Amino acid sequence: MLTAAQTLKCFLVCCDLTRMYLPIFLVRLDERTGNVFILAGEEIEVVIDRNGEFVKNDETEF
């Protein structure tokens, strides 16, 4: 189950990605860790933890 912080951060990250006209290919909740995984554009990977903090891969700039 998503936390309120994850829900808000996921929405904001997806808005930022689409504002840059990047396709969002996958949004998935990892049931083992409780993290949300977002795959977008060519190589953008975002992981949102249960506290709503996100980690992005090194090439991601937004």
C-alpha atoms as a PDB file:
ATOM      1  CA  MET A   1       0.000   0.000   0.000  1.00  0.00           C
ATOM      2  CA  LEU A   2       1.289   3.436  -0.907  1.00  0.00           C
ATOM      3  CA  THR A   3       1.856   5.998   1.817  1.00  0.00           C
ATOM      4  CA  ALA A   4       0.476   9.521   1.463  1.00  0.00           C
ATOM      5  CA  ALA A   5       4.027  10.852   1.035  1.00  0.00           C
ATOM      6  CA  GLN A   6       4.741   8.342  -1.764  1.00  0.00           C
ATOM      7  CA  THR A   7       1.488   9.172  -3.518  1.00  0.00           C
ATOM      8  CA  LEU A   8       2.202  12.899  -3.528  1.00  0.00           C
ATOM      9  CA  LYS A   9       5.847  12.494  -4.614  1.00  0.00           C
ATOM     10  CA  CYS A  10       4.888  10.016  -7.359  1.00  0.00           C
ATOM     11  CA  PHE A  11       2.335  12.486  -8.719  1.00  0.00           C
ATOM     12  CA  LEU A  12       4.823  15.378  -8.634  1.00  0.00           C
ATOM     13  CA  VAL A  13       7.606  13.357 -10.290  1.00  0.00           C
ATOM     14  CA  CYS A  14       5.241  12.149 -13.037  1.00  0.00           C
ATOM     15  CA  CYS A  15       4.074  15.742 -13.616  1.00  0.00           C
ATOM     16  CA  ASP A  16       7.688  16.907 -13.945  1.00  0.00           C
ATOM     17  CA  LEU A  17       8.502  14.094 -16.363  1.00  0.00           C
ATOM     18  CA  THR A  18       5.519  14.770 -18.619  1.00  0.00           C
ATOM     19  CA  ARG A  19       6.196  18.514 -18.498  1.00  0.00           C
ATOM     20  CA  MET A  20       9.499  17.652 -20.203  1.00  0.00           C
ATOM     21  CA  TYR A  21       7.561  15.537 -22.760  1.00  0.00           C
ATOM     22  CA  LEU A  22       9.132  12.307 -21.532  1.00  0.00           C
ATOM     23  CA  PRO A  23       7.126   9.099 -21.825  1.00  0.00           C
ATOM     24  CA  ILE A  24       6.479   7.192 -18.613  1.00  0.00           C
ATOM     25  CA  PHE A  25       6.808   3.488 -19.372  1.00  0.00           C
ATOM     26  CA  LEU A  26       6.341   1.924 -15.946  1.00  0.00           C
ATOM     27  CA  VAL A  27       5.127   2.864 -12.468  1.00  0.00           C
ATOM     28  CA  ARG A  28       5.330  -0.081 -10.095  1.00  0.00           C
ATOM     29  CA  LEU A  29       5.064  -0.689  -6.348  1.00  0.00           C
ATOM     30  CA  ASP A  30       7.711  -3.130  -5.112  1.00  0.00           C
ATOM     31  CA  GLU A  31       5.727  -5.128  -2.563  1.00  0.00           C
ATOM     32  CA  ARG A  32       8.900  -6.485  -0.930  1.00  0.00           C
ATOM     33  CA  THR A  33      10.405  -3.098  -0.075  1.00  0.00           C
ATOM     34  CA  GLY A  34       7.379  -0.805  -0.340  1.00  0.00           C
ATOM     35  CA  ASN A  35       9.237   1.434  -2.814  1.00  0.00           C
ATOM     36  CA  VAL A  36       7.692   2.914  -5.958  1.00  0.00           C
ATOM     37  CA  PHE A  37       9.733   2.465  -9.155  1.00  0.00           C
ATOM     38  CA  ILE A  38       9.254   4.768 -12.157  1.00  0.00           C
ATOM     39  CA  LEU A  39      10.844   4.100 -15.555  1.00  0.00           C
ATOM     40  CA  ALA A  40      10.648   7.008 -18.000  1.00  0.00           C
ATOM     41  CA  GLY A  41      12.326   8.359 -21.120  1.00  0.00           C
ATOM     42  CA  GLU A  42      15.430   6.620 -22.416  1.00  0.00           C
ATOM     43  CA  GLU A  43      17.282   5.902 -19.162  1.00  0.00           C
ATOM     44  CA  ILE A  44      15.457   7.621 -16.299  1.00  0.00           C
ATOM     45  CA  GLU A  45      14.818   5.506 -13.223  1.00  0.00           C
ATOM     46  CA  VAL A  46      13.297   6.973 -10.067  1.00  0.00           C
ATOM     47  CA  VAL A  47      12.759   5.103  -6.800  1.00  0.00           C
ATOM     48  CA  ILE A  48      10.483   6.647  -4.161  1.00  0.00           C
ATOM     49  CA  ASP A  49      10.856   5.202  -0.661  1.00  0.00           C
ATOM     50  CA  ARG A  50       8.099   4.919   1.957  1.00  0.00           C
ATOM     51  CA  ASN A  51       8.990   8.368   3.368  1.00  0.00           C
ATOM     52  CA  GLY A  52       8.422  10.065   0.008  1.00  0.00           C
ATOM     53  CA  GLU A  53      12.122  10.657  -0.629  1.00  0.00           C
ATOM     54  CA  PHE A  54      13.290   9.798  -4.128  1.00  0.00           C
ATOM     55  CA  VAL A  55      16.542   8.552  -5.588  1.00  0.00           C
ATOM     56  CA  LYS A  56      17.269   8.917  -9.289  1.00  0.00           C
ATOM     57  CA  ASN A  57      19.927   7.389 -11.481  1.00  0.00           C
ATOM     58  CA  ASP A  58      23.013   9.518 -12.220  1.00  0.00           C
ATOM     59  CA  GLU A  59      21.927  10.592 -15.717  1.00  0.00           C
ATOM     60  CA  THR A  60      18.562  11.927 -14.531  1.00  0.00           C
ATOM     61  CA  GLU A  61      18.203  15.716 -14.501  1.00  0.00           C
ATOM     62  CA  PHE A  62      14.839  17.229 -13.594  1.00  0.00           C
END
